[in-house]
Amino acid sequence: MNAELAPAMAFDTISLNIPKTDLTFFKTLAKKMGWVINKKSTPRKKRLYDPETGEYLNDETMKAIEDDSVAFSGSFEDFKKWAQNL
């Protein structure tokens, strides 16, 4: 890119999600085009995958799993009795 033209050019900032397998190609393309890349990593939500349904657990279920106050302490027999009383 010609340094003399840069101040006169209008720029837009965009956000892209690029698969890691294509990142090297994208960086090469961006360099050739004279683009500036600023990588920002977004924190990913924890997700559990259910292979039977092919879906991920929703936010409500994930919160219940992560909630420490819901933990059961006792023997398996105690848990079984508790579950049967529900």
N, C-alpha and C. Protein backbone atom coordinates (compact mmCIF):
# COMPACT_ATOMS: atom_id res chain seq x y z
N MET A 1 0.85 -1.17 0.00
CA MET A 1 0.00 0.00 0.00
C MET A 1 0.89 1.23 0.00
N ASN A 2 0.53 2.20 -0.78
CA ASN A 2 1.29 3.43 -0.86
C ASN A 2 1.04 4.26 0.40
N ALA A 3 2.10 4.62 1.11
CA ALA A 3 1.97 5.37 2.36
C ALA A 3 1.36 6.74 2.15
N GLU A 4 1.52 7.31 0.96
CA GLU A 4 0.96 8.64 0.68
C GLU A 4 -0.56 8.58 0.56
N LEU A 5 -1.12 7.45 0.16
CA LEU A 5 -2.56 7.33 -0.01
C LEU A 5 -3.28 6.98 1.28
N ALA A 6 -2.60 6.40 2.23
CA ALA A 6 -3.23 5.90 3.45
C ALA A 6 -4.05 6.95 4.19
N PRO A 7 -3.55 8.17 4.41
CA PRO A 7 -4.35 9.13 5.17
C PRO A 7 -5.65 9.53 4.44
N ALA A 8 -5.67 9.48 3.13
CA ALA A 8 -6.85 9.90 2.38
C ALA A 8 -7.88 8.78 2.26
N MET A 9 -7.51 7.56 2.60
CA MET A 9 -8.42 6.43 2.45
C MET A 9 -9.36 6.33 3.64
N ALA A 10 -10.59 5.94 3.35
CA ALA A 10 -11.55 5.68 4.42
C ALA A 10 -11.47 4.20 4.79
N PHE A 11 -11.52 3.91 6.07
CA PHE A 11 -11.40 2.53 6.54
C PHE A 11 -12.65 2.13 7.30
N ASP A 12 -12.99 0.86 7.22
CA ASP A 12 -14.05 0.26 8.02
C ASP A 12 -13.41 -0.82 8.89
N THR A 13 -13.93 -0.96 10.08
CA THR A 13 -13.49 -2.03 10.98
C THR A 13 -14.56 -3.11 10.97
N ILE A 14 -14.12 -4.34 10.76
CA ILE A 14 -15.07 -5.45 10.73
C ILE A 14 -14.58 -6.56 11.65
N SER A 15 -15.47 -7.47 11.95
CA SER A 15 -15.14 -8.63 12.77
C SER A 15 -15.41 -9.88 11.96
N LEU A 16 -14.46 -10.80 11.95
CA LEU A 16 -14.60 -12.05 11.21
C LEU A 16 -14.34 -13.23 12.13
N ASN A 17 -15.05 -14.30 11.90
CA ASN A 17 -14.75 -15.57 12.56
C ASN A 17 -14.16 -16.48 11.50
N ILE A 18 -12.90 -16.83 11.69
CA ILE A 18 -12.18 -17.62 10.69
C ILE A 18 -11.75 -18.94 11.31
N PRO A 19 -12.02 -20.05 10.63
CA PRO A 19 -11.55 -21.34 11.15
C PRO A 19 -10.02 -21.33 11.28
N LYS A 20 -9.53 -21.95 12.33
CA LYS A 20 -8.08 -21.97 12.56
C LYS A 20 -7.32 -22.56 11.38
N THR A 21 -7.94 -23.48 10.68
CA THR A 21 -7.25 -24.10 9.54
C THR A 21 -7.03 -23.11 8.40
N ASP A 22 -7.81 -22.03 8.33
CA ASP A 22 -7.68 -21.04 7.26
C ASP A 22 -6.93 -19.78 7.70
N LEU A 23 -6.51 -19.73 8.96
CA LEU A 23 -5.90 -18.51 9.49
C LEU A 23 -4.60 -18.13 8.78
N THR A 24 -3.76 -19.09 8.49
CA THR A 24 -2.50 -18.80 7.79
C THR A 24 -2.78 -18.20 6.42
N PHE A 25 -3.73 -18.79 5.69
CA PHE A 25 -4.09 -18.27 4.37
C PHE A 25 -4.63 -16.85 4.49
N PHE A 26 -5.49 -16.61 5.48
CA PHE A 26 -6.08 -15.29 5.66
C PHE A 26 -5.01 -14.24 5.98
N LYS A 27 -4.06 -14.60 6.84
CA LYS A 27 -2.99 -13.66 7.18
C LYS A 27 -2.15 -13.32 5.96
N THR A 28 -1.88 -14.31 5.12
CA THR A 28 -1.12 -14.08 3.88
C THR A 28 -1.89 -13.15 2.96
N LEU A 29 -3.18 -13.40 2.79
CA LEU A 29 -4.03 -12.56 1.95
C LEU A 29 -4.08 -11.13 2.48
N ALA A 30 -4.27 -10.99 3.78
CA ALA A 30 -4.34 -9.66 4.39
C ALA A 30 -3.05 -8.89 4.20
N LYS A 31 -1.93 -9.57 4.34
CA LYS A 31 -0.63 -8.91 4.17
C LYS A 31 -0.48 -8.42 2.73
N LYS A 32 -0.85 -9.25 1.76
CA LYS A 32 -0.75 -8.86 0.35
C LYS A 32 -1.69 -7.71 0.01
N MET A 33 -2.84 -7.65 0.68
CA MET A 33 -3.81 -6.59 0.42
C MET A 33 -3.48 -5.30 1.18
N GLY A 34 -2.53 -5.37 2.11
CA GLY A 34 -2.17 -4.19 2.90
C GLY A 34 -3.14 -3.94 4.04
N TRP A 35 -3.86 -4.96 4.45
CA TRP A 35 -4.83 -4.82 5.53
C TRP A 35 -4.11 -4.94 6.87
N VAL A 36 -4.72 -4.40 7.91
CA VAL A 36 -4.20 -4.50 9.26
C VAL A 36 -5.13 -5.43 10.04
N ILE A 37 -4.53 -6.43 10.67
CA ILE A 37 -5.31 -7.39 11.46
C ILE A 37 -5.01 -7.17 12.94
N ASN A 38 -6.05 -7.01 13.73
CA ASN A 38 -5.94 -6.96 15.18
C ASN A 38 -6.75 -8.11 15.73
N LYS A 39 -6.08 -9.10 16.25
CA LYS A 39 -6.76 -10.29 16.74
C LYS A 39 -7.29 -10.05 18.15
N LYS A 40 -8.58 -10.31 18.31
CA LYS A 40 -9.20 -10.25 19.62
C LYS A 40 -9.83 -11.61 19.88
N SER A 41 -9.41 -12.24 20.93
CA SER A 41 -9.99 -13.53 21.28
C SER A 41 -11.22 -13.28 22.15
N THR A 42 -12.33 -13.84 21.74
CA THR A 42 -13.53 -13.73 22.54
C THR A 42 -13.64 -14.96 23.43
N PRO A 43 -13.97 -14.75 24.68
CA PRO A 43 -14.10 -15.92 25.55
C PRO A 43 -15.23 -16.82 25.07
N ARG A 44 -14.95 -18.09 25.00
CA ARG A 44 -15.95 -19.04 24.54
C ARG A 44 -16.73 -19.59 25.72
N LYS A 45 -18.02 -19.74 25.51
CA LYS A 45 -18.86 -20.32 26.54
C LYS A 45 -18.53 -21.81 26.66
N LYS A 46 -18.57 -22.28 27.88
CA LYS A 46 -18.39 -23.71 28.09
C LYS A 46 -19.64 -24.42 27.58
N ARG A 47 -19.45 -25.46 26.83
CA ARG A 47 -20.56 -26.22 26.27
C ARG A 47 -20.27 -27.70 26.39
N LEU A 48 -21.30 -28.46 26.65
CA LEU A 48 -21.19 -29.91 26.62
C LEU A 48 -21.99 -30.42 25.44
N TYR A 49 -21.41 -31.35 24.73
CA TYR A 49 -22.02 -31.89 23.52
C TYR A 49 -22.71 -33.21 23.84
N ASP A 50 -23.93 -33.38 23.33
CA ASP A 50 -24.67 -34.62 23.49
C ASP A 50 -24.65 -35.37 22.16
N PRO A 51 -23.85 -36.43 22.06
CA PRO A 51 -23.73 -37.14 20.78
C PRO A 51 -25.03 -37.84 20.36
N GLU A 52 -25.90 -38.13 21.32
CA GLU A 52 -27.16 -38.79 20.96
C GLU A 52 -28.08 -37.86 20.17
N THR A 53 -28.14 -36.60 20.59
CA THR A 53 -29.01 -35.64 19.91
C THR A 53 -28.26 -34.82 18.87
N GLY A 54 -26.92 -34.78 18.99
CA GLY A 54 -26.13 -33.96 18.08
C GLY A 54 -26.22 -32.48 18.42
N GLU A 55 -26.61 -32.16 19.65
CA GLU A 55 -26.77 -30.76 20.07
C GLU A 55 -25.93 -30.48 21.31
N TYR A 56 -25.77 -29.18 21.59
CA TYR A 56 -25.06 -28.75 22.78
C TYR A 56 -26.08 -28.38 23.86
N LEU A 57 -25.69 -28.54 25.12
CA LEU A 57 -26.59 -28.17 26.21
C LEU A 57 -26.82 -26.67 26.21
N ASN A 58 -28.02 -26.25 26.59
CA ASN A 58 -28.35 -24.83 26.59
C ASN A 58 -27.77 -24.12 27.83
N ASP A 59 -27.90 -22.79 27.87
CA ASP A 59 -27.33 -21.99 28.96
C ASP A 59 -27.88 -22.39 30.33
N GLU A 60 -29.19 -22.63 30.40
CA GLU A 60 -29.82 -22.98 31.67
C GLU A 60 -29.24 -24.27 32.24
N THR A 61 -29.08 -25.27 31.39
CA THR A 61 -28.52 -26.55 31.83
C THR A 61 -27.07 -26.40 32.25
N MET A 62 -26.30 -25.62 31.50
CA MET A 62 -24.89 -25.40 31.85
C MET A 62 -24.77 -24.69 33.20
N LYS A 63 -25.66 -23.72 33.48
CA LYS A 63 -25.63 -23.03 34.77
C LYS A 63 -25.92 -24.00 35.91
N ALA A 64 -26.88 -24.91 35.69
CA ALA A 64 -27.21 -25.89 36.72
C ALA A 64 -26.04 -26.83 36.99
N ILE A 65 -25.34 -27.22 35.94
CA ILE A 65 -24.19 -28.11 36.10
C ILE A 65 -23.07 -27.40 36.85
N GLU A 66 -22.84 -26.12 36.55
CA GLU A 66 -21.75 -25.36 37.15
C GLU A 66 -22.06 -24.87 38.56
N ASP A 67 -23.34 -24.90 38.96
CA ASP A 67 -23.75 -24.41 40.28
C ASP A 67 -23.30 -25.40 41.35
N ASP A 68 -22.36 -24.97 42.19
CA ASP A 68 -21.81 -25.85 43.22
C ASP A 68 -22.81 -26.17 44.32
N SER A 69 -23.80 -25.31 44.52
CA SER A 69 -24.74 -25.52 45.62
C SER A 69 -25.71 -26.66 45.33
N VAL A 70 -25.76 -27.15 44.11
CA VAL A 70 -26.68 -28.21 43.74
C VAL A 70 -26.06 -29.59 43.96
N ALA A 71 -24.80 -29.64 44.29
CA ALA A 71 -24.08 -30.91 44.42
C ALA A 71 -24.71 -31.79 45.49
N PHE A 72 -24.77 -33.07 45.22
CA PHE A 72 -25.30 -34.06 46.16
C PHE A 72 -24.14 -34.74 46.85
N SER A 73 -24.21 -34.85 48.16
CA SER A 73 -23.17 -35.58 48.86
C SER A 73 -23.83 -36.72 49.63
N GLY A 74 -23.28 -37.87 49.51
CA GLY A 74 -23.83 -39.06 50.16
C GLY A 74 -23.54 -40.27 49.31
N SER A 75 -24.09 -41.39 49.71
CA SER A 75 -23.86 -42.63 48.98
C SER A 75 -24.78 -42.72 47.78
N PHE A 76 -24.49 -43.67 46.91
CA PHE A 76 -25.33 -43.88 45.74
C PHE A 76 -26.72 -44.32 46.17
N GLU A 77 -26.80 -45.13 47.22
CA GLU A 77 -28.10 -45.59 47.72
C GLU A 77 -28.94 -44.41 48.23
N ASP A 78 -28.30 -43.46 48.92
CA ASP A 78 -29.00 -42.25 49.38
C ASP A 78 -29.53 -41.46 48.19
N PHE A 79 -28.70 -41.35 47.17
CA PHE A 79 -29.12 -40.61 45.97
C PHE A 79 -30.28 -41.31 45.29
N LYS A 80 -30.22 -42.62 45.21
CA LYS A 80 -31.27 -43.40 44.58
C LYS A 80 -32.60 -43.20 45.32
N LYS A 81 -32.56 -43.24 46.65
CA LYS A 81 -33.77 -43.01 47.45
C LYS A 81 -34.30 -41.60 47.24
N TRP A 82 -33.38 -40.64 47.21
CA TRP A 82 -33.78 -39.24 47.00
C TRP A 82 -34.45 -39.07 45.64
N ALA A 83 -33.87 -39.69 44.60
CA ALA A 83 -34.40 -39.56 43.24
C ALA A 83 -35.77 -40.24 43.13
N GLN A 84 -35.98 -41.35 43.82
CA GLN A 84 -37.27 -42.04 43.75
C GLN A 84 -38.38 -41.25 44.44
N ASN A 85 -38.01 -40.39 45.37
CA ASN A 85 -38.99 -39.57 46.09
C ASN A 85 -39.39 -38.31 45.32
N LEU A 86 -38.76 -38.05 44.24
CA LEU A 86 -39.09 -36.84 43.47
C LEU A 86 -40.43 -36.94 42.80
